[in-house]
């Protein structure tokens, strides 16, 4: 039950913050593909 509620919250949040999340994801992907040495991996 908690999982379903969390998923519902997540989708709602994604609708609100999708541009920001998408931008951040795109930037991190670009950084990873461009120069892995320049941007240390955040693990």
N, C-alpha and C. Protein backbone atom coordinates (compact mmCIF):
# COMPACT_ATOMS: atom_id res chain seq x y z
N UNK A 1 0.83 -1.20 0.00
CA UNK A 1 0.00 0.00 0.00
C UNK A 1 0.88 1.26 0.00
N UNK A 2 1.93 1.26 0.82
CA UNK A 2 2.82 2.42 0.86
C UNK A 2 3.45 2.67 -0.50
N UNK A 3 3.82 1.58 -1.18
CA UNK A 3 4.47 1.72 -2.49
C UNK A 3 3.54 2.43 -3.45
N UNK A 4 2.26 2.02 -3.44
CA UNK A 4 1.30 2.63 -4.37
C UNK A 4 1.16 4.12 -4.07
N UNK A 5 1.07 4.46 -2.78
CA UNK A 5 0.94 5.87 -2.41
C UNK A 5 2.18 6.64 -2.84
N UNK A 6 3.35 6.05 -2.62
CA UNK A 6 4.58 6.73 -3.01
C UNK A 6 4.62 6.95 -4.51
N UNK A 7 4.21 5.91 -5.25
CA UNK A 7 4.20 6.04 -6.71
C UNK A 7 3.29 7.17 -7.13
N UNK A 8 2.11 7.23 -6.49
CA UNK A 8 1.15 8.27 -6.84
C UNK A 8 1.75 9.65 -6.57
N UNK A 9 2.40 9.77 -5.42
CA UNK A 9 3.04 11.04 -5.08
C UNK A 9 4.12 11.37 -6.09
N UNK A 10 4.89 10.34 -6.45
CA UNK A 10 6.00 10.56 -7.38
C UNK A 10 5.49 11.09 -8.71
N UNK A 11 4.43 10.47 -9.23
CA UNK A 11 3.92 10.91 -10.53
C UNK A 11 3.40 12.33 -10.42
N UNK A 12 2.75 12.64 -9.30
CA UNK A 12 2.24 14.01 -9.13
C UNK A 12 3.40 14.99 -9.10
N UNK A 13 4.46 14.64 -8.38
CA UNK A 13 5.63 15.52 -8.30
C UNK A 13 6.29 15.65 -9.66
N UNK A 14 6.35 14.55 -10.40
CA UNK A 14 6.97 14.59 -11.72
C UNK A 14 6.23 15.57 -12.62
N UNK A 15 4.90 15.58 -12.48
CA UNK A 15 4.12 16.51 -13.32
C UNK A 15 4.49 17.95 -12.99
N UNK A 16 4.75 18.21 -11.71
CA UNK A 16 5.08 19.57 -11.30
C UNK A 16 6.51 19.94 -11.67
N UNK A 17 7.43 19.01 -11.44
CA UNK A 17 8.85 19.34 -11.55
C UNK A 17 9.52 18.70 -12.75
N UNK A 18 8.73 18.27 -13.72
CA UNK A 18 9.34 17.54 -14.84
C UNK A 18 10.41 18.35 -15.56
N UNK A 19 10.18 19.63 -15.89
CA UNK A 19 11.20 20.40 -16.62
C UNK A 19 12.53 20.42 -15.87
N UNK A 20 12.45 20.67 -14.55
CA UNK A 20 13.68 20.76 -13.77
C UNK A 20 14.41 19.41 -13.75
N UNK A 21 13.65 18.35 -13.49
CA UNK A 21 14.24 17.02 -13.44
C UNK A 21 14.83 16.64 -14.79
N UNK A 22 14.08 16.92 -15.84
CA UNK A 22 14.55 16.57 -17.18
C UNK A 22 15.84 17.31 -17.50
N UNK A 23 15.87 18.58 -17.15
CA UNK A 23 17.06 19.40 -17.41
C UNK A 23 18.27 18.84 -16.64
N UNK A 24 18.05 18.54 -15.38
CA UNK A 24 19.15 18.01 -14.56
C UNK A 24 19.64 16.68 -15.13
N UNK A 25 18.70 15.82 -15.54
CA UNK A 25 19.08 14.53 -16.09
C UNK A 25 19.86 14.71 -17.37
N UNK A 26 19.39 15.60 -18.22
CA UNK A 26 20.06 15.83 -19.50
C UNK A 26 21.47 16.36 -19.27
N UNK A 27 21.61 17.29 -18.34
CA UNK A 27 22.92 17.87 -18.05
C UNK A 27 23.87 16.79 -17.53
N UNK A 28 23.39 15.97 -16.59
CA UNK A 28 24.26 14.93 -16.03
C UNK A 28 24.64 13.93 -17.11
N UNK A 29 23.70 13.59 -17.98
CA UNK A 29 24.00 12.65 -19.06
C UNK A 29 25.04 13.25 -20.00
N UNK A 30 24.86 14.52 -20.33
CA UNK A 30 25.82 15.19 -21.21
C UNK A 30 27.21 15.20 -20.58
N UNK A 31 27.25 15.54 -19.29
CA UNK A 31 28.53 15.59 -18.59
C UNK A 31 29.21 14.23 -18.60
N UNK A 32 28.41 13.18 -18.37
CA UNK A 32 28.98 11.83 -18.33
C UNK A 32 29.52 11.44 -19.69
N UNK A 33 28.76 11.75 -20.74
CA UNK A 33 29.16 11.31 -22.08
C UNK A 33 30.33 12.16 -22.62
N UNK A 34 30.36 13.43 -22.21
CA UNK A 34 31.40 14.34 -22.73
C UNK A 34 32.76 14.01 -22.13
N UNK A 35 32.96 14.43 -20.88
CA UNK A 35 34.28 14.26 -20.25
C UNK A 35 34.11 13.71 -18.84
N UNK A 36 34.15 12.39 -18.70
CA UNK A 36 33.97 11.78 -17.37
C UNK A 36 35.03 12.25 -16.37
N UNK A 37 36.23 12.59 -16.87
CA UNK A 37 37.29 13.01 -15.97
C UNK A 37 37.01 14.38 -15.35
N UNK A 38 36.38 15.24 -16.14
CA UNK A 38 36.14 16.60 -15.68
C UNK A 38 35.07 16.64 -14.59
N UNK A 39 34.03 15.81 -14.77
CA UNK A 39 32.94 15.80 -13.79
C UNK A 39 32.99 14.49 -13.01
N UNK A 40 33.44 14.52 -11.77
CA UNK A 40 33.50 13.30 -10.96
C UNK A 40 32.10 12.72 -10.75
N UNK A 41 32.01 11.41 -10.80
CA UNK A 41 30.70 10.76 -10.64
C UNK A 41 30.18 10.96 -9.23
N UNK A 42 28.91 11.25 -9.11
CA UNK A 42 28.30 11.43 -7.79
C UNK A 42 27.59 10.15 -7.39
N UNK A 43 28.30 9.30 -6.65
CA UNK A 43 27.70 8.01 -6.23
C UNK A 43 27.47 8.02 -4.74
